[in-house]
Amino acid sequence: MSVVDPWLDHLRARLRAPLPGRAAQYRMAHVRRVEDLQRLPAPPPDARVACVLNLLHRHDDGVWRTVLIRRTVNPRDQHSGQVSFPGGRWEEADGALVNVALREAEEEVGVPADAVEIIGRLTELYIPVSHFLVHPFVGVLREPVDFRPQAGEVEIILTPSLALLSAPESRKIIDIPVGRGLTLRNTPYFDVEGHVVWGATAMILSEFLEVAFAAEENVSCC
């Protein structure tokens, strides 16, 4: 059963249309990331595949929100401690890519797959540092769910409103240490309740927000 909402109908249509793609992603990318990606005509054929889910939902206040997680610090994970969408690596047994996004949402935030309606997908994004090609899916909760962080994997669950994310003041610049004495200076990020959302997640959000808030009369999400 599809979730009925005028703004969602608008969003479904926008997701079926040509996407803004890299141009929108680059608006929230560090200049070094942009340079690396511009040198690649296409993602490497041996890139590892991963999928994430941008899960939309409404609280009792009627405000549309998404779901982000802060991953538990793990020295074996290059992205540990970062804020991201629920998601993970594709395995051959998964079959369709969307199955990965749904499985990881169930494992990481406790959302059953049958509670999610997939309404589209965004532009894939290659992450050079981890050699992952990420496929972002957009879904909406069919019914209210109590989110539950996966023990040992997810430190905290965030549910920022789309209004907060789309506000110009949520986009900021920061210097981010990335290990081995290196620092990415002047890195764009979303300030989500004091949490720094940068890198691939910020790039995916940037494209999604451009799609979601494209000008259209009498259509509003927030």
N, C-alpha and C. Protein backbone atom coordinates (compact mmCIF):
# COMPACT_ATOMS: atom_id res chain seq x y z
N MET A 1 0.84 -1.19 0.00
CA MET A 1 0.00 0.00 0.00
C MET A 1 0.88 1.24 0.00
N SER A 2 0.59 2.17 -0.90
CA SER A 2 1.37 3.40 -1.00
C SER A 2 0.91 4.42 0.04
N VAL A 3 1.87 5.17 0.54
CA VAL A 3 1.55 6.26 1.46
C VAL A 3 1.00 7.42 0.65
N VAL A 4 -0.17 7.92 1.05
CA VAL A 4 -0.85 8.99 0.31
C VAL A 4 -0.48 10.34 0.90
N ASP A 5 0.09 11.20 0.07
CA ASP A 5 0.48 12.55 0.51
C ASP A 5 0.84 13.36 -0.73
N PRO A 6 0.33 14.57 -0.90
CA PRO A 6 0.62 15.37 -2.10
C PRO A 6 2.11 15.61 -2.31
N TRP A 7 2.83 15.89 -1.22
CA TRP A 7 4.26 16.14 -1.39
C TRP A 7 4.99 14.88 -1.82
N LEU A 8 4.59 13.74 -1.28
CA LEU A 8 5.21 12.47 -1.70
C LEU A 8 4.94 12.18 -3.17
N ASP A 9 3.74 12.51 -3.64
CA ASP A 9 3.45 12.32 -5.06
C ASP A 9 4.39 13.17 -5.90
N HIS A 10 4.62 14.39 -5.45
CA HIS A 10 5.58 15.28 -6.13
C HIS A 10 6.98 14.66 -6.11
N LEU A 11 7.37 14.13 -4.95
CA LEU A 11 8.70 13.55 -4.83
C LEU A 11 8.84 12.30 -5.69
N ARG A 12 7.84 11.47 -5.72
CA ARG A 12 7.88 10.27 -6.58
C ARG A 12 8.12 10.66 -8.04
N ALA A 13 7.40 11.69 -8.48
CA ALA A 13 7.55 12.15 -9.86
C ALA A 13 8.94 12.70 -10.11
N ARG A 14 9.46 13.45 -9.16
CA ARG A 14 10.81 14.01 -9.30
C ARG A 14 11.87 12.93 -9.35
N LEU A 15 11.68 11.86 -8.58
CA LEU A 15 12.65 10.77 -8.58
C LEU A 15 12.60 9.96 -9.86
N ARG A 16 11.48 10.00 -10.57
CA ARG A 16 11.40 9.31 -11.86
C ARG A 16 11.99 10.14 -12.98
N ALA A 17 12.11 11.44 -12.78
CA ALA A 17 12.64 12.35 -13.80
C ALA A 17 14.18 12.30 -13.76
N PRO A 18 14.84 12.88 -14.76
CA PRO A 18 16.31 12.95 -14.71
C PRO A 18 16.78 13.64 -13.42
N LEU A 19 17.77 13.05 -12.77
CA LEU A 19 18.25 13.56 -11.49
C LEU A 19 19.36 14.60 -11.70
N PRO A 20 19.55 15.49 -10.72
CA PRO A 20 20.63 16.48 -10.85
C PRO A 20 22.01 15.87 -10.81
N GLY A 21 22.16 14.69 -10.18
CA GLY A 21 23.40 13.93 -10.24
C GLY A 21 24.60 14.57 -9.57
N ARG A 22 25.75 14.41 -10.22
CA ARG A 22 27.01 14.84 -9.61
C ARG A 22 27.04 16.32 -9.28
N ALA A 23 26.42 17.13 -10.12
CA ALA A 23 26.44 18.58 -9.87
C ALA A 23 25.88 18.89 -8.50
N ALA A 24 24.80 18.21 -8.13
CA ALA A 24 24.20 18.44 -6.81
C ALA A 24 25.05 17.81 -5.71
N GLN A 25 25.60 16.65 -5.97
CA GLN A 25 26.46 15.98 -4.98
C GLN A 25 27.68 16.84 -4.65
N TYR A 26 28.28 17.43 -5.66
CA TYR A 26 29.52 18.18 -5.47
C TYR A 26 29.35 19.41 -4.60
N ARG A 27 28.12 19.89 -4.45
CA ARG A 27 27.90 21.09 -3.63
C ARG A 27 28.24 20.85 -2.17
N MET A 28 28.24 19.58 -1.75
CA MET A 28 28.59 19.28 -0.37
C MET A 28 29.80 18.34 -0.30
N ALA A 29 30.69 18.47 -1.27
CA ALA A 29 31.89 17.63 -1.32
C ALA A 29 33.14 18.48 -1.10
N HIS A 30 34.13 17.89 -0.44
CA HIS A 30 35.42 18.56 -0.30
C HIS A 30 36.06 18.68 -1.68
N VAL A 31 36.82 19.73 -1.88
CA VAL A 31 37.41 19.99 -3.20
C VAL A 31 38.29 18.82 -3.65
N ARG A 32 38.95 18.14 -2.72
CA ARG A 32 39.78 17.00 -3.11
C ARG A 32 38.92 15.86 -3.63
N ARG A 33 37.75 15.64 -3.00
CA ARG A 33 36.84 14.59 -3.46
C ARG A 33 36.34 14.91 -4.88
N VAL A 34 36.01 16.17 -5.11
CA VAL A 34 35.55 16.58 -6.44
C VAL A 34 36.63 16.32 -7.47
N GLU A 35 37.86 16.69 -7.15
CA GLU A 35 38.97 16.48 -8.08
C GLU A 35 39.16 15.00 -8.38
N ASP A 36 39.10 14.16 -7.33
CA ASP A 36 39.26 12.72 -7.52
C ASP A 36 38.18 12.15 -8.43
N LEU A 37 36.94 12.55 -8.20
CA LEU A 37 35.84 12.00 -8.97
C LEU A 37 35.83 12.53 -10.41
N GLN A 38 36.24 13.77 -10.59
CA GLN A 38 36.27 14.32 -11.95
C GLN A 38 37.32 13.65 -12.82
N ARG A 39 38.31 13.05 -12.20
CA ARG A 39 39.32 12.33 -12.97
C ARG A 39 38.83 10.96 -13.43
N LEU A 40 37.72 10.50 -12.85
CA LEU A 40 37.19 9.18 -13.18
C LEU A 40 36.02 9.32 -14.16
N PRO A 41 36.14 8.80 -15.37
CA PRO A 41 35.00 8.85 -16.29
C PRO A 41 33.84 7.98 -15.82
N ALA A 42 34.18 6.95 -15.04
CA ALA A 42 33.17 6.05 -14.50
C ALA A 42 33.76 5.36 -13.27
N PRO A 43 32.92 4.85 -12.39
CA PRO A 43 33.45 4.12 -11.23
C PRO A 43 34.26 2.91 -11.68
N PRO A 44 35.32 2.55 -10.96
CA PRO A 44 36.11 1.37 -11.33
C PRO A 44 35.24 0.12 -11.38
N PRO A 45 35.44 -0.75 -12.35
CA PRO A 45 34.59 -1.94 -12.47
C PRO A 45 34.72 -2.91 -11.30
N ASP A 46 35.83 -2.81 -10.55
CA ASP A 46 36.00 -3.72 -9.41
C ASP A 46 35.58 -3.09 -8.08
N ALA A 47 34.91 -1.94 -8.14
CA ALA A 47 34.47 -1.28 -6.91
C ALA A 47 33.50 -2.18 -6.15
N ARG A 48 33.62 -2.17 -4.83
CA ARG A 48 32.68 -2.91 -4.00
C ARG A 48 31.35 -2.17 -3.97
N VAL A 49 30.27 -2.92 -3.93
CA VAL A 49 28.93 -2.33 -4.01
C VAL A 49 28.30 -2.25 -2.62
N ALA A 50 27.71 -1.09 -2.34
CA ALA A 50 26.98 -0.89 -1.09
C ALA A 50 25.68 -0.16 -1.39
N CYS A 51 24.72 -0.26 -0.48
CA CYS A 51 23.43 0.41 -0.64
C CYS A 51 23.05 1.07 0.68
N VAL A 52 22.39 2.22 0.57
CA VAL A 52 21.91 2.93 1.76
C VAL A 52 20.46 3.29 1.56
N LEU A 53 19.78 3.59 2.67
CA LEU A 53 18.36 3.94 2.62
C LEU A 53 18.13 5.29 3.28
N ASN A 54 17.61 6.22 2.50
CA ASN A 54 17.12 7.50 3.02
C ASN A 54 15.65 7.28 3.36
N LEU A 55 15.39 7.06 4.65
CA LEU A 55 14.06 6.64 5.10
C LEU A 55 13.26 7.83 5.62
N LEU A 56 12.21 8.19 4.90
CA LEU A 56 11.37 9.33 5.27
C LEU A 56 10.23 8.87 6.16
N HIS A 57 9.87 9.71 7.11
CA HIS A 57 8.77 9.38 8.02
C HIS A 57 8.26 10.66 8.67
N ARG A 58 7.07 10.57 9.26
CA ARG A 58 6.49 11.71 9.95
C ARG A 58 6.18 11.36 11.39
N HIS A 59 6.46 12.29 12.29
CA HIS A 59 6.03 12.16 13.68
C HIS A 59 4.60 12.66 13.80
N ASP A 60 4.10 12.69 15.01
CA ASP A 60 2.73 13.17 15.24
C ASP A 60 2.55 14.62 14.83
N ASP A 61 3.66 15.37 14.76
CA ASP A 61 3.56 16.78 14.38
C ASP A 61 3.40 16.98 12.88
N GLY A 62 3.45 15.88 12.11
CA GLY A 62 3.26 15.97 10.67
C GLY A 62 4.47 16.43 9.90
N VAL A 63 5.61 16.60 10.56
CA VAL A 63 6.83 17.08 9.93
C VAL A 63 7.60 15.90 9.31
N TRP A 64 7.97 16.04 8.05
CA TRP A 64 8.74 14.99 7.38
C TRP A 64 10.18 15.00 7.87
N ARG A 65 10.69 13.81 8.14
CA ARG A 65 12.04 13.64 8.64
C ARG A 65 12.74 12.49 7.91
N THR A 66 14.05 12.40 8.09
CA THR A 66 14.79 11.26 7.61
C THR A 66 15.45 10.57 8.81
N VAL A 67 16.18 9.50 8.55
CA VAL A 67 16.85 8.73 9.60
C VAL A 67 18.34 8.66 9.30
N LEU A 68 19.14 9.07 10.27
CA LEU A 68 20.59 8.96 10.17
C LEU A 68 21.10 8.21 11.40
N ILE A 69 22.25 7.59 11.27
CA ILE A 69 22.85 6.89 12.39
C ILE A 69 24.29 7.35 12.57
N ARG A 70 24.73 7.37 13.83
CA ARG A 70 26.16 7.57 14.08
C ARG A 70 26.73 6.21 14.43
N ARG A 71 27.68 5.79 13.61
CA ARG A 71 28.24 4.45 13.76
C ARG A 71 29.18 4.37 14.97
N THR A 72 29.16 3.24 15.64
CA THR A 72 30.06 3.00 16.75
C THR A 72 31.50 3.02 16.26
N VAL A 73 32.40 3.57 17.06
CA VAL A 73 33.81 3.62 16.67
C VAL A 73 34.37 2.21 16.57
N ASN A 74 34.97 1.92 15.42
CA ASN A 74 35.55 0.60 15.15
C ASN A 74 36.82 0.81 14.33
N PRO A 75 37.99 0.48 14.86
CA PRO A 75 39.25 0.73 14.14
C PRO A 75 39.35 -0.01 12.81
N ARG A 76 38.53 -1.03 12.60
CA ARG A 76 38.57 -1.78 11.34
C ARG A 76 37.67 -1.16 10.27
N ASP A 77 36.90 -0.15 10.66
CA ASP A 77 35.94 0.48 9.74
C ASP A 77 36.41 1.89 9.42
N GLN A 78 36.68 2.15 8.13
CA GLN A 78 37.16 3.47 7.73
C GLN A 78 36.14 4.57 7.98
N HIS A 79 34.87 4.20 8.11
CA HIS A 79 33.83 5.20 8.31
C HIS A 79 33.23 5.14 9.72
N SER A 80 33.93 4.48 10.63
CA SER A 80 33.39 4.36 11.99
C SER A 80 33.32 5.73 12.66
N GLY A 81 32.33 5.87 13.53
CA GLY A 81 32.15 7.13 14.23
C GLY A 81 31.49 8.22 13.40
N GLN A 82 31.27 7.96 12.12
CA GLN A 82 30.66 8.96 11.26
C GLN A 82 29.14 8.83 11.26
N VAL A 83 28.48 9.90 10.84
CA VAL A 83 27.03 9.89 10.69
C VAL A 83 26.71 9.49 9.25
N SER A 84 25.79 8.56 9.09
CA SER A 84 25.46 8.07 7.76
C SER A 84 24.01 7.62 7.71
N PHE A 85 23.57 7.24 6.52
CA PHE A 85 22.30 6.56 6.37
C PHE A 85 22.48 5.10 6.77
N PRO A 86 21.41 4.43 7.19
CA PRO A 86 21.51 2.98 7.35
C PRO A 86 21.91 2.36 6.01
N GLY A 87 22.82 1.40 6.07
CA GLY A 87 23.25 0.78 4.82
C GLY A 87 24.41 -0.17 5.04
N GLY A 88 24.79 -0.86 3.97
CA GLY A 88 25.88 -1.81 4.09
C GLY A 88 26.26 -2.40 2.74
N ARG A 89 27.13 -3.36 2.79
CA ARG A 89 27.72 -3.96 1.59
C ARG A 89 26.79 -4.99 0.96
N TRP A 90 26.75 -5.00 -0.37
CA TRP A 90 25.99 -5.99 -1.12
C TRP A 90 26.76 -7.29 -1.20
N GLU A 91 26.05 -8.38 -0.98
CA GLU A 91 26.60 -9.72 -1.16
C GLU A 91 25.77 -10.43 -2.22
N GLU A 92 26.39 -11.39 -2.88
CA GLU A 92 25.71 -12.08 -3.98
C GLU A 92 24.38 -12.68 -3.54
N ALA A 93 24.32 -13.16 -2.31
CA ALA A 93 23.08 -13.77 -1.80
C ALA A 93 21.95 -12.76 -1.65
N ASP A 94 22.27 -11.45 -1.67
CA ASP A 94 21.25 -10.43 -1.49
C ASP A 94 20.32 -10.31 -2.69
N GLY A 95 20.83 -10.67 -3.88
CA GLY A 95 20.03 -10.49 -5.08
C GLY A 95 19.93 -9.03 -5.44
N ALA A 96 18.70 -8.48 -5.49
CA ALA A 96 18.49 -7.09 -5.88
C ALA A 96 19.15 -6.14 -4.88
N LEU A 97 19.66 -5.03 -5.40
CA LEU A 97 20.34 -4.06 -4.55
C LEU A 97 19.44 -3.52 -3.45
N VAL A 98 18.18 -3.31 -3.76
CA VAL A 98 17.27 -2.73 -2.77
C VAL A 98 17.16 -3.62 -1.53
N ASN A 99 17.38 -4.92 -1.70
CA ASN A 99 17.31 -5.83 -0.55
C ASN A 99 18.35 -5.48 0.51
N VAL A 100 19.50 -4.98 0.06
CA VAL A 100 20.55 -4.59 1.00
C VAL A 100 20.09 -3.41 1.85
N ALA A 101 19.53 -2.39 1.19
CA ALA A 101 19.07 -1.20 1.91
C ALA A 101 18.00 -1.56 2.94
N LEU A 102 17.07 -2.43 2.55
CA LEU A 102 16.01 -2.83 3.47
C LEU A 102 16.54 -3.69 4.60
N ARG A 103 17.44 -4.60 4.29
CA ARG A 103 18.01 -5.47 5.33
C ARG A 103 18.78 -4.66 6.35
N GLU A 104 19.59 -3.72 5.89
CA GLU A 104 20.41 -2.93 6.80
C GLU A 104 19.56 -2.00 7.65
N ALA A 105 18.46 -1.47 7.09
CA ALA A 105 17.57 -0.62 7.88
C ALA A 105 16.94 -1.44 9.00
N GLU A 106 16.61 -2.69 8.72
CA GLU A 106 16.03 -3.54 9.76
C GLU A 106 17.07 -3.86 10.83
N GLU A 107 18.29 -4.16 10.40
CA GLU A 107 19.33 -4.52 11.37
C GLU A 107 19.79 -3.32 12.19
N GLU A 108 19.97 -2.18 11.53
CA GLU A 108 20.62 -1.04 12.19
C GLU A 108 19.66 -0.14 12.96
N VAL A 109 18.41 -0.02 12.49
CA VAL A 109 17.47 0.85 13.20
C VAL A 109 16.15 0.17 13.54
N GLY A 110 16.05 -1.14 13.28
CA GLY A 110 14.88 -1.90 13.72
C GLY A 110 13.62 -1.68 12.92
N VAL A 111 13.75 -1.33 11.61
CA VAL A 111 12.58 -1.10 10.77
C VAL A 111 12.33 -2.32 9.90
N PRO A 112 11.21 -3.02 10.06
CA PRO A 112 10.91 -4.19 9.22
C PRO A 112 10.80 -3.80 7.74
N ALA A 113 11.28 -4.66 6.88
CA ALA A 113 11.27 -4.36 5.45
C ALA A 113 9.86 -4.10 4.93
N ASP A 114 8.87 -4.83 5.46
CA ASP A 114 7.51 -4.65 4.96
C ASP A 114 6.85 -3.38 5.45
N ALA A 115 7.54 -2.62 6.31
CA ALA A 115 7.02 -1.33 6.78
C ALA A 115 7.50 -0.18 5.90
N VAL A 116 8.31 -0.49 4.86
CA VAL A 116 8.92 0.54 4.03
C VAL A 116 8.41 0.45 2.60
N GLU A 117 8.00 1.58 2.05
CA GLU A 117 7.68 1.69 0.64
C GLU A 117 8.85 2.38 -0.06
N ILE A 118 9.49 1.70 -1.00
CA ILE A 118 10.56 2.32 -1.77
C ILE A 118 9.93 3.18 -2.86
N ILE A 119 10.28 4.46 -2.89
CA ILE A 119 9.67 5.37 -3.86
C ILE A 119 10.64 5.84 -4.93
N GLY A 120 11.88 5.43 -4.85
CA GLY A 120 12.84 5.82 -5.89
C GLY A 120 14.27 5.65 -5.42
N ARG A 121 15.18 6.12 -6.24
CA ARG A 121 16.60 6.05 -5.90
C ARG A 121 17.30 7.29 -6.42
N LEU A 122 18.46 7.56 -5.85
CA LEU A 122 19.27 8.72 -6.23
C LEU A 122 20.48 8.26 -7.03
N THR A 123 21.31 9.20 -7.42
CA THR A 123 22.47 8.90 -8.24
C THR A 123 23.52 8.13 -7.44
N GLU A 124 24.04 7.07 -8.02
CA GLU A 124 25.08 6.29 -7.35
C GLU A 124 26.32 7.17 -7.12
N LEU A 125 27.09 6.81 -6.11
CA LEU A 125 28.24 7.63 -5.72
C LEU A 125 29.43 6.74 -5.38
N TYR A 126 30.55 6.97 -6.05
CA TYR A 126 31.77 6.21 -5.77
C TYR A 126 32.57 6.91 -4.68
N ILE A 127 33.04 6.12 -3.69
CA ILE A 127 33.84 6.65 -2.59
C ILE A 127 35.27 6.13 -2.75
N PRO A 128 36.19 6.95 -3.24
CA PRO A 128 37.54 6.47 -3.51
C PRO A 128 38.26 5.90 -2.30
N VAL A 129 38.10 6.52 -1.12
CA VAL A 129 38.89 6.11 0.04
C VAL A 129 38.56 4.69 0.49
N SER A 130 37.32 4.26 0.31
CA SER A 130 36.94 2.91 0.72
C SER A 130 36.63 2.00 -0.47
N HIS A 131 36.70 2.54 -1.68
CA HIS A 131 36.49 1.78 -2.92
C HIS A 131 35.08 1.19 -2.99
N PHE A 132 34.09 1.92 -2.46
CA PHE A 132 32.70 1.49 -2.51
C PHE A 132 31.93 2.31 -3.55
N LEU A 133 31.07 1.65 -4.29
CA LEU A 133 30.10 2.32 -5.15
C LEU A 133 28.76 2.22 -4.43
N VAL A 134 28.26 3.37 -3.96
CA VAL A 134 27.07 3.40 -3.11
C VAL A 134 25.82 3.71 -3.95
N HIS A 135 24.80 2.89 -3.76
CA HIS A 135 23.50 3.09 -4.42
C HIS A 135 22.50 3.57 -3.37
N PRO A 136 22.05 4.83 -3.45
CA PRO A 136 21.11 5.35 -2.45
C PRO A 136 19.65 5.13 -2.88
N PHE A 137 18.86 4.55 -1.99
CA PHE A 137 17.44 4.37 -2.20
C PHE A 137 16.66 5.33 -1.30
N VAL A 138 15.48 5.70 -1.74
CA VAL A 138 14.60 6.57 -0.96
C VAL A 138 13.35 5.77 -0.62
N GLY A 139 13.03 5.70 0.67
CA GLY A 139 11.84 4.98 1.11
C GLY A 139 11.03 5.81 2.08
N VAL A 140 9.82 5.37 2.32
CA VAL A 140 8.94 6.06 3.27
C VAL A 140 8.29 5.01 4.16
N LEU A 141 8.17 5.31 5.44
CA LEU A 141 7.52 4.40 6.38
C LEU A 141 6.02 4.36 6.11
N ARG A 142 5.47 3.15 6.03
CA ARG A 142 4.04 2.98 5.84
C ARG A 142 3.28 3.23 7.15
N GLU A 143 3.95 3.01 8.27
CA GLU A 143 3.31 3.10 9.59
C GLU A 143 4.37 3.48 10.62
N PRO A 144 3.97 4.03 11.75
CA PRO A 144 4.95 4.41 12.78
C PRO A 144 5.74 3.21 13.28
N VAL A 145 7.02 3.43 13.54
CA VAL A 145 7.92 2.38 14.04
C VAL A 145 8.77 2.98 15.15
N ASP A 146 9.01 2.22 16.19
CA ASP A 146 9.95 2.64 17.23
C ASP A 146 11.35 2.24 16.79
N PHE A 147 12.18 3.25 16.49
CA PHE A 147 13.53 2.95 16.03
C PHE A 147 14.36 2.35 17.16
N ARG A 148 15.21 1.39 16.80
CA ARG A 148 16.03 0.68 17.78
C ARG A 148 17.45 0.55 17.25
N PRO A 149 18.46 1.17 17.89
CA PRO A 149 19.84 1.09 17.40
C PRO A 149 20.41 -0.32 17.56
N GLN A 150 21.15 -0.76 16.56
CA GLN A 150 21.78 -2.08 16.61
C GLN A 150 22.93 -2.07 17.61
N ALA A 151 22.88 -2.94 18.58
CA ALA A 151 23.91 -3.00 19.63
C ALA A 151 25.27 -3.28 19.01
N GLY A 152 26.26 -2.49 19.43
CA GLY A 152 27.62 -2.69 18.97
C GLY A 152 27.94 -2.08 17.62
N GLU A 153 26.91 -1.65 16.89
CA GLU A 153 27.13 -1.10 15.55
C GLU A 153 26.68 0.36 15.44
N VAL A 154 25.57 0.69 16.11
CA VAL A 154 24.99 2.02 16.01
C VAL A 154 24.98 2.66 17.39
N GLU A 155 25.65 3.80 17.49
CA GLU A 155 25.74 4.51 18.77
C GLU A 155 24.49 5.32 19.06
N ILE A 156 23.96 5.98 18.02
CA ILE A 156 22.79 6.84 18.22
C ILE A 156 22.03 6.95 16.91
N ILE A 157 20.72 7.11 17.01
CA ILE A 157 19.86 7.34 15.85
C ILE A 157 19.40 8.80 15.85
N LEU A 158 19.53 9.46 14.71
CA LEU A 158 19.10 10.84 14.55
C LEU A 158 17.92 10.88 13.59
N THR A 159 16.96 11.77 13.87
CA THR A 159 15.80 11.91 12.99
C THR A 159 15.57 13.38 12.64
N PRO A 160 16.51 14.00 11.92
CA PRO A 160 16.37 15.42 11.60
C PRO A 160 15.22 15.68 10.62
N SER A 161 14.57 16.81 10.77
CA SER A 161 13.51 17.18 9.83
C SER A 161 14.12 17.64 8.51
N LEU A 162 13.37 17.47 7.44
CA LEU A 162 13.83 17.95 6.14
C LEU A 162 13.91 19.47 6.14
N ALA A 163 13.07 20.12 6.95
CA ALA A 163 13.12 21.58 7.05
C ALA A 163 14.46 22.02 7.63
N LEU A 164 14.93 21.30 8.65
CA LEU A 164 16.24 21.63 9.25
C LEU A 164 17.35 21.44 8.22
N LEU A 165 17.33 20.32 7.53
CA LEU A 165 18.40 20.01 6.58
C LEU A 165 18.42 20.99 5.41
N SER A 166 17.24 21.47 5.02
CA SER A 166 17.17 22.36 3.86
C SER A 166 17.47 23.81 4.21
N ALA A 167 17.51 24.13 5.50
CA ALA A 167 17.78 25.51 5.91
C ALA A 167 19.22 25.89 5.57
N PRO A 168 19.45 27.05 4.97
CA PRO A 168 20.82 27.45 4.60
C PRO A 168 21.79 27.42 5.77
N GLU A 169 21.32 27.75 6.97
CA GLU A 169 22.22 27.80 8.12
C GLU A 169 22.68 26.42 8.58
N SER A 170 22.08 25.35 8.05
CA SER A 170 22.54 24.01 8.43
C SER A 170 23.79 23.59 7.66
N ARG A 171 24.12 24.31 6.59
CA ARG A 171 25.30 24.00 5.78
C ARG A 171 26.47 24.85 6.26
N LYS A 172 27.51 24.18 6.70
CA LYS A 172 28.65 24.87 7.29
C LYS A 172 29.97 24.30 6.75
N ILE A 173 31.07 24.89 7.22
CA ILE A 173 32.42 24.48 6.80
C ILE A 173 33.22 24.15 8.05
N ILE A 174 34.02 23.09 7.96
CA ILE A 174 34.83 22.68 9.11
C ILE A 174 36.11 22.00 8.62
N ASP A 175 37.15 21.99 9.45
CA ASP A 175 38.36 21.21 9.18
C ASP A 175 38.19 19.85 9.86
N ILE A 176 38.37 18.76 9.09
CA ILE A 176 38.13 17.42 9.60
C ILE A 176 39.42 16.61 9.58
N PRO A 177 39.89 16.15 10.75
CA PRO A 177 41.06 15.26 10.78
C PRO A 177 40.67 13.89 10.24
N VAL A 178 41.50 13.34 9.37
CA VAL A 178 41.18 12.06 8.73
C VAL A 178 42.24 11.00 9.01
N GLY A 179 43.08 11.24 10.02
CA GLY A 179 44.08 10.24 10.39
C GLY A 179 45.44 10.50 9.78
N ARG A 180 46.46 9.88 10.41
CA ARG A 180 47.85 9.99 9.94
C ARG A 180 48.28 11.45 9.83
N GLY A 181 47.76 12.27 10.72
CA GLY A 181 48.15 13.68 10.74
C GLY A 181 47.57 14.51 9.62
N LEU A 182 46.64 13.94 8.85
CA LEU A 182 46.04 14.67 7.74
C LEU A 182 44.74 15.34 8.17
N THR A 183 44.48 16.50 7.58
CA THR A 183 43.25 17.24 7.86
C THR A 183 42.66 17.73 6.54
N LEU A 184 41.35 17.48 6.37
CA LEU A 184 40.64 18.04 5.22
C LEU A 184 40.11 19.40 5.62
N ARG A 185 40.74 20.43 5.10
CA ARG A 185 40.36 21.79 5.48
C ARG A 185 39.19 22.29 4.63
N ASN A 186 38.39 23.12 5.25
CA ASN A 186 37.24 23.73 4.57
C ASN A 186 36.32 22.68 3.96
N THR A 187 35.93 21.73 4.78
CA THR A 187 35.04 20.66 4.34
C THR A 187 33.59 21.05 4.59
N PRO A 188 32.74 21.00 3.56
CA PRO A 188 31.32 21.32 3.78
C PRO A 188 30.62 20.20 4.54
N TYR A 189 29.68 20.58 5.39
CA TYR A 189 28.93 19.57 6.14
C TYR A 189 27.57 20.11 6.54
N PHE A 190 26.67 19.20 6.90
CA PHE A 190 25.39 19.57 7.48
C PHE A 190 25.52 19.49 9.00
N ASP A 191 25.09 20.54 9.67
CA ASP A 191 25.06 20.56 11.13
C ASP A 191 23.70 20.00 11.56
N VAL A 192 23.69 18.77 12.06
CA VAL A 192 22.46 18.11 12.48
C VAL A 192 22.48 17.97 14.00
N GLU A 193 21.87 18.93 14.66
CA GLU A 193 21.80 18.91 16.13
C GLU A 193 23.19 18.77 16.74
N GLY A 194 24.17 19.46 16.15
CA GLY A 194 25.53 19.42 16.65
C GLY A 194 26.38 18.31 16.08
N HIS A 195 25.79 17.41 15.29
CA HIS A 195 26.54 16.32 14.67
C HIS A 195 27.00 16.76 13.28
N VAL A 196 28.22 16.39 12.93
CA VAL A 196 28.80 16.75 11.64
C VAL A 196 28.46 15.65 10.62
N VAL A 197 27.69 16.01 9.60
CA VAL A 197 27.33 15.07 8.53
C VAL A 197 28.06 15.52 7.28
N TRP A 198 29.06 14.74 6.89
CA TRP A 198 29.92 15.16 5.77
C TRP A 198 30.16 13.96 4.86
N GLY A 199 31.04 14.16 3.87
CA GLY A 199 31.43 13.08 2.98
C GLY A 199 30.28 12.59 2.12
N ALA A 200 30.26 11.27 1.88
CA ALA A 200 29.27 10.69 0.97
C ALA A 200 27.84 10.96 1.43
N THR A 201 27.60 10.91 2.74
CA THR A 201 26.25 11.14 3.24
C THR A 201 25.78 12.55 2.93
N ALA A 202 26.65 13.53 3.13
CA ALA A 202 26.29 14.91 2.81
C ALA A 202 26.05 15.09 1.31
N MET A 203 26.83 14.39 0.49
CA MET A 203 26.67 14.49 -0.96
C MET A 203 25.33 13.89 -1.41
N ILE A 204 24.96 12.75 -0.81
CA ILE A 204 23.67 12.14 -1.13
C ILE A 204 22.53 13.03 -0.66
N LEU A 205 22.66 13.57 0.54
CA LEU A 205 21.63 14.49 1.05
C LEU A 205 21.49 15.73 0.15
N SER A 206 22.60 16.21 -0.35
CA SER A 206 22.57 17.40 -1.19
C SER A 206 21.73 17.17 -2.43
N GLU A 207 21.92 16.01 -3.07
CA GLU A 207 21.11 15.72 -4.25
C GLU A 207 19.65 15.51 -3.87
N PHE A 208 19.42 14.78 -2.78
CA PHE A 208 18.04 14.53 -2.37
C PHE A 208 17.30 15.83 -2.09
N LEU A 209 17.92 16.74 -1.38
CA LEU A 209 17.26 18.00 -1.03
C LEU A 209 16.96 18.83 -2.28
N GLU A 210 17.85 18.78 -3.26
CA GLU A 210 17.59 19.50 -4.50
C GLU A 210 16.37 18.91 -5.21
N VAL A 211 16.27 17.59 -5.20
CA VAL A 211 15.11 16.93 -5.79
C VAL A 211 13.84 17.23 -5.00
N ALA A 212 13.93 17.11 -3.69
CA ALA A 212 12.75 17.22 -2.83
C ALA A 212 12.17 18.61 -2.78
N PHE A 213 13.04 19.63 -2.91
CA PHE A 213 12.57 20.99 -2.74
C PHE A 213 12.58 21.76 -4.07
N ALA A 214 12.53 21.03 -5.17
CA ALA A 214 12.40 21.70 -6.45
C ALA A 214 11.12 22.51 -6.46
N ALA A 215 11.20 23.69 -7.02
CA ALA A 215 10.05 24.61 -6.99
C ALA A 215 8.84 24.00 -7.68
N GLU A 216 7.74 23.99 -6.98
CA GLU A 216 6.46 23.57 -7.59
C GLU A 216 5.34 24.19 -6.78
N GLU A 217 4.42 24.80 -7.45
CA GLU A 217 3.36 25.54 -6.76
C GLU A 217 2.48 24.61 -5.93
N ASN A 218 2.11 25.09 -4.76
CA ASN A 218 1.14 24.42 -3.91
C ASN A 218 1.59 23.05 -3.42
N VAL A 219 2.90 22.80 -3.42
CA VAL A 219 3.41 21.53 -2.92
C VAL A 219 4.44 21.85 -1.85
N SER A 220 4.20 21.40 -0.64
CA SER A 220 5.11 21.67 0.47
C SER A 220 5.19 20.46 1.37
N CYS A 221 6.38 20.19 1.86
CA CYS A 221 6.55 19.03 2.74
C CYS A 221 6.56 19.43 4.21
N CYS A 222 6.83 20.72 4.53
CA CYS A 222 7.17 21.04 5.92
C CYS A 222 6.27 22.11 6.50
